[in-house]
Amino acid sequence: ASGSTRPEDLPIQLVEVYGERLRNVSTRGFVRPGEGALIAGFSLATVEPAVVLERGLGPAMGAFGVREPLARPVIRVHRLGAGGAAERVSENDGWDRDAKASLAAVAAIKLGAIPLESGARDAAVLLQLPAGSYTVSLEGADAGSEGVGLVEVFLVR
């Protein structure tokens, strides 16, 4: 082992968690162009559509002393469709420009999530989703951008 502790030198990791009452999943890592996206996957097995808050943080992490935060994150939410094809459900690269931004802010406060500043380049969407399997990918919105990011998924209701 080289002894390096740089985030970009860490290996790809997979964590699977199963349970009926899981409310949040998040992961932090170094985001790179190409195949260096952070991806959080989740499945909903609900009868009624669920309200889910998905977020991709970069600039907000600088306030917590994170060096090299991803300057302009973008999140893309996909649903696994028939035959394994992924269908894009939503995309965001500026949380407060989303139509449901005020609802996302209220949900984040109620969930105890890091509050996002108005005008910040962090990404977030609040979606009502039917049962199914989904992924949220976090990448840099600008070509070649990289840095430390945090992808989060919260079950609101």
Protein backbone atom coordinates (compact mmCIF):
# COMPACT_ATOMS: atom_id res chain seq x y z
CA ALA A 1 0.00 0.00 0.00
CA SER A 2 1.20 3.48 -0.84
CA GLY A 3 -0.11 5.01 2.38
CA SER A 4 -1.98 7.73 0.45
CA THR A 5 -5.00 9.26 2.17
CA ARG A 6 -6.11 11.49 -0.72
CA PRO A 7 -9.85 10.99 -1.39
CA GLU A 8 -9.26 10.47 -5.10
CA ASP A 9 -7.03 7.47 -4.32
CA LEU A 10 -9.68 5.53 -2.39
CA PRO A 11 -11.16 2.40 -4.00
CA ILE A 12 -14.75 2.08 -5.18
CA GLN A 13 -16.95 0.75 -2.39
CA LEU A 14 -20.39 -0.82 -2.24
CA VAL A 15 -22.59 -0.87 0.85
CA GLU A 16 -25.98 -2.57 0.91
CA VAL A 17 -28.48 -1.98 3.71
CA TYR A 18 -31.83 -3.69 4.03
CA GLY A 19 -34.68 -2.79 6.35
CA GLU A 20 -38.26 -1.70 6.49
CA ARG A 21 -37.70 1.62 8.26
CA LEU A 22 -34.59 3.02 6.60
CA ARG A 23 -35.04 6.81 6.36
CA ASN A 24 -31.74 8.10 4.98
CA VAL A 25 -28.71 7.00 3.03
CA SER A 26 -25.73 9.18 2.19
CA THR A 27 -22.16 8.84 1.04
CA ARG A 28 -19.26 11.23 0.71
CA GLY A 29 -16.44 10.86 -1.75
CA PHE A 30 -14.24 12.44 -4.37
CA VAL A 31 -16.21 13.13 -7.56
CA ARG A 32 -14.33 12.99 -10.87
CA PRO A 33 -15.40 13.41 -14.50
CA GLY A 34 -16.40 10.31 -16.43
CA GLU A 35 -16.93 7.25 -14.24
CA GLY A 36 -16.11 9.13 -11.03
CA ALA A 37 -19.70 9.92 -10.04
CA LEU A 38 -21.06 9.14 -6.58
CA ILE A 39 -24.18 6.98 -6.84
CA ALA A 40 -26.77 6.19 -4.18
CA GLY A 41 -29.34 3.53 -5.00
CA PHE A 42 -32.61 2.89 -3.22
CA SER A 43 -35.83 0.94 -3.65
CA LEU A 44 -39.33 1.89 -2.59
CA ALA A 45 -41.82 -0.86 -1.79
CA THR A 46 -44.77 1.34 -0.91
CA VAL A 47 -48.41 1.10 -1.92
CA GLU A 48 -48.80 4.88 -2.08
CA PRO A 49 -46.17 7.08 -3.76
CA ALA A 50 -43.40 8.16 -1.36
CA VAL A 51 -42.02 11.67 -0.96
CA VAL A 52 -38.24 11.56 -1.25
CA LEU A 53 -35.63 14.31 -0.89
CA GLU A 54 -32.48 13.78 -2.97
CA ARG A 55 -29.49 16.11 -2.54
CA GLY A 56 -25.99 16.54 -3.93
CA LEU A 57 -23.77 18.77 -1.81
CA GLY A 58 -20.49 20.45 -2.62
CA PRO A 59 -20.32 24.14 -1.62
CA ALA A 60 -22.26 23.53 1.64
CA MET A 61 -19.52 21.18 2.80
CA GLY A 62 -16.92 23.97 2.77
CA ALA A 63 -18.54 25.42 5.90
CA PHE A 64 -17.63 22.19 7.70
CA GLY A 65 -13.96 22.37 6.82
CA VAL A 66 -14.07 20.01 3.84
CA ARG A 67 -11.18 20.83 1.52
CA GLU A 68 -11.76 20.85 -2.22
CA PRO A 69 -15.58 20.64 -2.21
CA LEU A 70 -17.23 20.03 -5.58
CA ALA A 71 -17.91 23.58 -6.80
CA ARG A 72 -21.05 22.96 -8.87
CA PRO A 73 -22.74 19.61 -8.27
CA VAL A 74 -25.52 18.17 -10.41
CA ILE A 75 -27.76 15.28 -9.40
CA ARG A 76 -29.66 13.01 -11.74
CA VAL A 77 -32.41 10.71 -10.50
CA HIS A 78 -33.14 7.60 -12.57
CA ARG A 79 -35.75 4.87 -12.22
CA LEU A 80 -34.98 1.34 -13.29
CA GLY A 81 -37.53 0.52 -15.97
CA ALA A 82 -38.66 -2.54 -17.84
CA GLY A 83 -35.84 -4.68 -19.14
CA GLY A 84 -33.28 -2.89 -16.97
CA ALA A 85 -33.37 0.40 -18.88
CA ALA A 86 -32.87 3.51 -16.76
CA GLU A 87 -35.31 6.38 -17.25
CA ARG A 88 -34.39 9.87 -16.03
CA VAL A 89 -36.91 11.17 -13.49
CA SER A 90 -35.28 14.47 -12.54
CA GLU A 91 -32.10 16.56 -12.70
CA ASN A 92 -30.94 19.57 -10.67
CA ASP A 93 -27.83 21.75 -10.41
CA GLY A 94 -29.16 24.60 -8.27
CA TRP A 95 -31.45 23.58 -5.44
CA ASP A 96 -33.24 26.93 -5.00
CA ARG A 97 -34.14 27.16 -8.70
CA ASP A 98 -36.33 24.06 -8.43
CA ALA A 99 -40.11 24.58 -8.36
CA LYS A 100 -40.34 22.77 -4.99
CA ALA A 101 -37.30 24.50 -3.41
CA SER A 102 -39.22 25.90 -0.44
CA LEU A 103 -40.76 22.49 0.28
CA ALA A 104 -37.32 20.86 0.00
CA ALA A 105 -35.90 23.39 2.48
CA VAL A 106 -38.69 22.71 5.00
CA ALA A 107 -38.27 18.93 4.59
CA ALA A 108 -34.50 19.23 5.14
CA ILE A 109 -35.05 21.16 8.39
CA LYS A 110 -37.56 18.61 9.66
CA LEU A 111 -35.17 15.77 8.81
CA GLY A 112 -32.20 17.41 10.52
CA ALA A 113 -30.24 17.74 7.28
CA ILE A 114 -27.62 20.43 6.63
CA PRO A 115 -29.49 23.60 5.61
CA LEU A 116 -28.60 24.97 2.18
CA GLU A 117 -28.03 28.67 1.59
CA SER A 118 -30.11 30.53 -0.98
CA GLY A 119 -28.05 30.98 -4.12
CA ALA A 120 -25.67 28.13 -3.23
CA ARG A 121 -24.76 25.81 -6.08
CA ASP A 122 -25.74 22.66 -4.17
CA ALA A 123 -28.36 20.44 -5.80
CA ALA A 124 -31.64 19.11 -4.37
CA VAL A 125 -35.02 17.84 -5.56
CA LEU A 126 -38.13 16.81 -3.66
CA LEU A 127 -40.01 14.14 -5.58
CA GLN A 128 -43.11 12.03 -5.19
CA LEU A 129 -42.10 8.58 -6.45
CA PRO A 130 -44.03 5.35 -7.01
CA ALA A 131 -42.68 1.99 -5.90
CA GLY A 132 -39.57 0.97 -7.79
CA SER A 133 -35.78 1.04 -7.82
CA TYR A 134 -33.91 4.32 -8.25
CA THR A 135 -30.42 5.79 -8.40
CA VAL A 136 -29.21 9.31 -7.62
CA SER A 137 -25.92 10.20 -9.28
CA LEU A 138 -23.76 13.15 -8.22
CA GLU A 139 -21.37 14.63 -10.75
CA GLY A 140 -19.76 17.96 -11.50
CA ALA A 141 -22.00 20.18 -13.64
CA ASP A 142 -19.02 21.64 -15.49
CA ALA A 143 -16.84 19.54 -17.79
CA GLY A 144 -13.72 18.40 -15.99
CA SER A 145 -14.89 19.55 -12.55
CA GLU A 146 -13.99 17.47 -9.54
CA GLY A 147 -13.98 17.70 -5.76
CA VAL A 148 -15.46 16.22 -2.60
CA GLY A 149 -19.22 15.69 -2.73
CA LEU A 150 -22.00 14.24 -0.62
CA VAL A 151 -25.02 12.47 -2.11
CA GLU A 152 -28.05 12.04 0.18
CA VAL A 153 -31.46 10.39 -0.06
CA PHE A 154 -34.11 11.02 2.62
CA LEU A 155 -37.50 9.34 2.88
CA VAL A 156 -39.80 12.23 3.85
CA ARG A 157 -43.06 10.23 3.90
